[in-house]
Amino acid sequence: MGGTISAVSSNGTYSFSKPNRESITLLAGFGVEGDVHGGATVKHRFRMRKDPSQPNLRQVHLIHEELFEDVRRAGFEVAAGELGENVTTRGVDLLTLPRGTRLRLGGTAVVEVTGLRNPCAQIDGFQKGLMKQVVSRDENGRPRFLSGIMSVVVTGGVVRPGDTVGIDLPSGPHEPLDIV
């Protein structure tokens, strides 16, 4: 059970998209080395205004590459890194993973899934109408967010495109993902 990493991205300044890199280095308890969202406490601008001492549960953002294929069928062109993710995966159903799942990225890095990424208005700023493609409704009419998952770094390491993604599900009852 697992997949591969198709791209890695980071940016040292606040911007919506992140350029692709040959590799990124994950640092335990911090996130992506040199990325503006790295740190032990929140780095998201809105969350920092509310309480800058909150733990950063959004150190590494992962998106499944299959999302880009889905939005392409709706007429949108999105490439790896353009929605602000750090790690783009292939062959992993990220959205159905339970909270606490550990993902082994490459040879040594391990991240723990904390929750869903909530899509923000900047998505429509990137491409008008794209927000409707990354938010759907479940059978009960509740919003279903498709724009990736968030995680924290448990064990650091270098991550590159082509690396494998291993999945270690948590023991005990599985908790569904919610927005973090």
Protein backbone atom coordinates (compact mmCIF):
# COMPACT_ATOMS: atom_id res chain seq x y z
CA MET A 1 0.00 0.00 0.00
CA GLY A 2 1.61 3.25 -1.11
CA GLY A 3 2.50 5.43 -4.03
CA THR A 4 5.16 7.77 -5.32
CA ILE A 5 6.14 11.40 -5.07
CA SER A 6 5.72 13.17 -8.40
CA ALA A 7 6.97 16.64 -7.32
CA VAL A 8 8.28 18.59 -4.35
CA SER A 9 7.89 22.35 -3.90
CA SER A 10 8.83 25.10 -1.46
CA ASN A 11 8.96 28.86 -1.22
CA GLY A 12 10.75 31.11 1.26
CA THR A 13 8.27 33.96 0.74
CA TYR A 14 4.50 34.18 1.05
CA SER A 15 2.87 33.48 -2.29
CA PHE A 16 0.08 31.22 -3.42
CA SER A 17 2.13 28.89 -5.60
CA LYS A 18 5.44 27.22 -4.76
CA PRO A 19 8.17 26.48 -7.32
CA ASN A 20 9.11 22.85 -7.91
CA ARG A 21 12.49 21.76 -6.57
CA GLU A 22 14.88 18.89 -7.20
CA SER A 23 14.52 18.03 -3.51
CA ILE A 24 13.24 19.41 -0.23
CA THR A 25 14.54 18.73 3.25
CA LEU A 26 12.01 17.98 5.98
CA LEU A 27 13.02 18.92 9.52
CA ALA A 28 11.39 17.19 12.51
CA GLY A 29 8.95 19.47 14.34
CA PHE A 30 9.49 22.24 11.79
CA GLY A 31 8.41 21.33 8.26
CA VAL A 32 10.17 22.11 5.00
CA GLU A 33 13.57 23.74 5.40
CA GLY A 34 13.45 27.27 3.95
CA ASP A 35 9.67 27.24 3.42
CA VAL A 36 7.66 30.19 4.72
CA HIS A 37 5.17 27.84 6.42
CA GLY A 38 7.83 25.95 8.40
CA GLY A 39 7.97 26.27 12.17
CA ALA A 40 6.78 24.78 15.43
CA THR A 41 4.01 27.39 15.76
CA VAL A 42 1.49 28.54 13.14
CA LYS A 43 2.77 30.40 10.08
CA HIS A 44 -0.48 30.80 8.17
CA ARG A 45 -1.19 34.56 8.22
CA PHE A 46 -4.83 34.30 9.35
CA ARG A 47 -4.02 31.81 12.11
CA MET A 48 -1.09 33.93 13.31
CA ARG A 49 -3.41 36.93 13.76
CA LYS A 50 -5.75 34.81 15.90
CA ASP A 51 -3.08 33.18 18.12
CA PRO A 52 0.57 32.99 17.03
CA SER A 53 1.39 30.50 19.81
CA GLN A 54 -0.80 27.70 18.35
CA PRO A 55 1.11 24.57 17.30
CA ASN A 56 1.73 24.37 13.57
CA LEU A 57 -0.34 21.42 12.34
CA ARG A 58 0.23 22.57 8.75
CA GLN A 59 4.00 22.07 8.36
CA VAL A 60 3.80 20.02 5.14
CA HIS A 61 0.96 20.25 2.61
CA LEU A 62 0.39 17.21 0.38
CA ILE A 63 -1.85 17.00 -2.71
CA HIS A 64 -2.66 13.98 -4.86
CA GLU A 65 -1.66 14.51 -8.49
CA GLU A 66 -4.91 12.87 -9.57
CA LEU A 67 -6.70 16.10 -8.50
CA PHE A 68 -4.99 17.91 -11.38
CA GLU A 69 -6.43 15.38 -13.82
CA ASP A 70 -9.91 15.87 -12.32
CA VAL A 71 -9.80 19.67 -12.66
CA ARG A 72 -8.32 19.38 -16.17
CA ARG A 73 -11.48 17.54 -17.26
CA ALA A 74 -13.40 20.60 -16.02
CA GLY A 75 -11.24 22.92 -18.15
CA PHE A 76 -8.57 24.01 -15.64
CA GLU A 77 -4.82 23.57 -15.97
CA VAL A 78 -3.04 23.10 -12.65
CA ALA A 79 0.49 21.80 -12.18
CA ALA A 80 2.40 20.57 -9.14
CA GLY A 81 3.15 23.33 -6.63
CA GLU A 82 0.60 25.75 -8.06
CA LEU A 83 -1.91 25.17 -5.23
CA GLY A 84 0.79 25.77 -2.62
CA GLU A 85 1.57 22.16 -1.77
CA ASN A 86 4.99 20.94 -0.73
CA VAL A 87 4.60 17.30 -1.80
CA THR A 88 2.60 16.05 -4.79
CA THR A 89 1.82 12.34 -4.63
CA ARG A 90 0.56 9.76 -7.10
CA GLY A 91 -1.30 6.57 -6.24
CA VAL A 92 -2.19 7.51 -2.65
CA ASP A 93 -5.80 8.30 -1.70
CA LEU A 94 -4.73 11.06 0.68
CA LEU A 95 -8.24 12.31 1.45
CA THR A 96 -9.41 9.00 2.91
CA LEU A 97 -6.47 8.53 5.27
CA PRO A 98 -7.36 8.72 8.97
CA ARG A 99 -5.86 11.34 11.25
CA GLY A 100 -2.59 10.13 12.71
CA THR A 101 -1.55 8.15 9.61
CA ARG A 102 2.19 8.25 9.14
CA LEU A 103 3.55 8.62 5.64
CA ARG A 104 7.10 7.47 4.91
CA LEU A 105 8.47 9.80 2.24
CA GLY A 106 11.60 8.56 0.55
CA GLY A 107 14.32 6.85 2.52
CA THR A 108 13.99 8.47 5.97
CA ALA A 109 11.36 11.22 6.24
CA VAL A 110 8.11 10.56 8.10
CA VAL A 111 5.14 12.92 8.37
CA GLU A 112 2.00 12.46 10.45
CA VAL A 113 -1.32 13.47 8.91
CA THR A 114 -3.10 16.13 10.98
CA GLY A 115 -6.09 17.02 8.79
CA LEU A 116 -7.50 18.51 5.63
CA ARG A 117 -6.35 21.68 3.95
CA ASN A 118 -9.25 24.09 3.78
CA PRO A 119 -9.51 25.69 0.35
CA CYS A 120 -9.30 29.48 0.49
CA ALA A 121 -10.43 32.31 -1.78
CA GLN A 122 -6.92 32.54 -3.23
CA ILE A 123 -7.76 29.45 -5.29
CA ASP A 124 -10.26 31.50 -7.30
CA GLY A 125 -7.67 34.27 -7.49
CA PHE A 126 -5.32 31.76 -9.10
CA GLN A 127 -7.95 30.58 -11.62
CA LYS A 128 -11.49 31.90 -11.47
CA GLY A 129 -13.98 29.11 -10.82
CA LEU A 130 -11.36 26.61 -9.60
CA MET A 131 -12.67 26.74 -6.03
CA LYS A 132 -15.86 24.93 -7.13
CA GLN A 133 -13.68 22.10 -8.42
CA VAL A 134 -11.86 21.54 -5.11
CA VAL A 135 -14.97 21.62 -2.92
CA SER A 136 -17.69 19.06 -3.50
CA ARG A 137 -20.58 17.73 -1.43
CA ASP A 138 -20.99 14.32 0.16
CA GLU A 139 -24.21 12.28 0.08
CA ASN A 140 -25.54 14.30 3.06
CA GLY A 141 -24.80 17.66 1.44
CA ARG A 142 -21.83 18.46 3.67
CA PRO A 143 -18.78 20.09 2.07
CA ARG A 144 -16.00 17.74 1.01
CA PHE A 145 -12.63 19.43 0.65
CA LEU A 146 -10.37 18.02 -2.09
CA SER A 147 -7.36 20.36 -1.91
CA GLY A 148 -5.01 18.06 -0.02
CA ILE A 149 -3.98 17.23 3.50
CA MET A 150 -1.72 18.74 6.11
CA SER A 151 0.91 17.05 8.23
CA VAL A 152 3.72 17.55 10.73
CA VAL A 153 7.24 16.19 10.38
CA VAL A 154 8.04 13.35 12.78
CA THR A 155 11.39 12.33 11.25
CA GLY A 156 13.37 14.54 8.92
CA GLY A 157 15.00 13.68 5.65
CA VAL A 158 15.47 14.63 2.02
CA VAL A 159 12.49 14.04 -0.28
CA ARG A 160 12.67 13.93 -4.09
CA PRO A 161 10.39 13.27 -7.04
CA GLY A 162 10.34 9.53 -7.72
CA ASP A 163 10.63 8.62 -4.03
CA THR A 164 8.14 6.14 -2.63
CA VAL A 165 5.33 6.90 -0.20
CA GLY A 166 4.72 4.28 2.46
CA ILE A 167 1.56 4.32 4.58
CA ASP A 168 1.35 3.33 8.24
CA LEU A 169 -2.22 3.54 9.53
CA PRO A 170 -2.74 4.36 13.22
CA SER A 171 -3.83 1.61 15.60
CA GLY A 172 -7.22 1.76 17.26
CA PRO A 173 -10.31 3.44 15.89
CA HIS A 174 -9.61 5.59 12.85
CA GLU A 175 -10.64 9.25 13.06
CA PRO A 176 -11.69 10.90 9.79
CA LEU A 177 -9.85 14.02 8.69
CA ASP A 178 -11.19 17.45 9.51
CA ILE A 179 -9.89 20.89 8.62
CA VAL A 180 -6.78 22.04 10.52
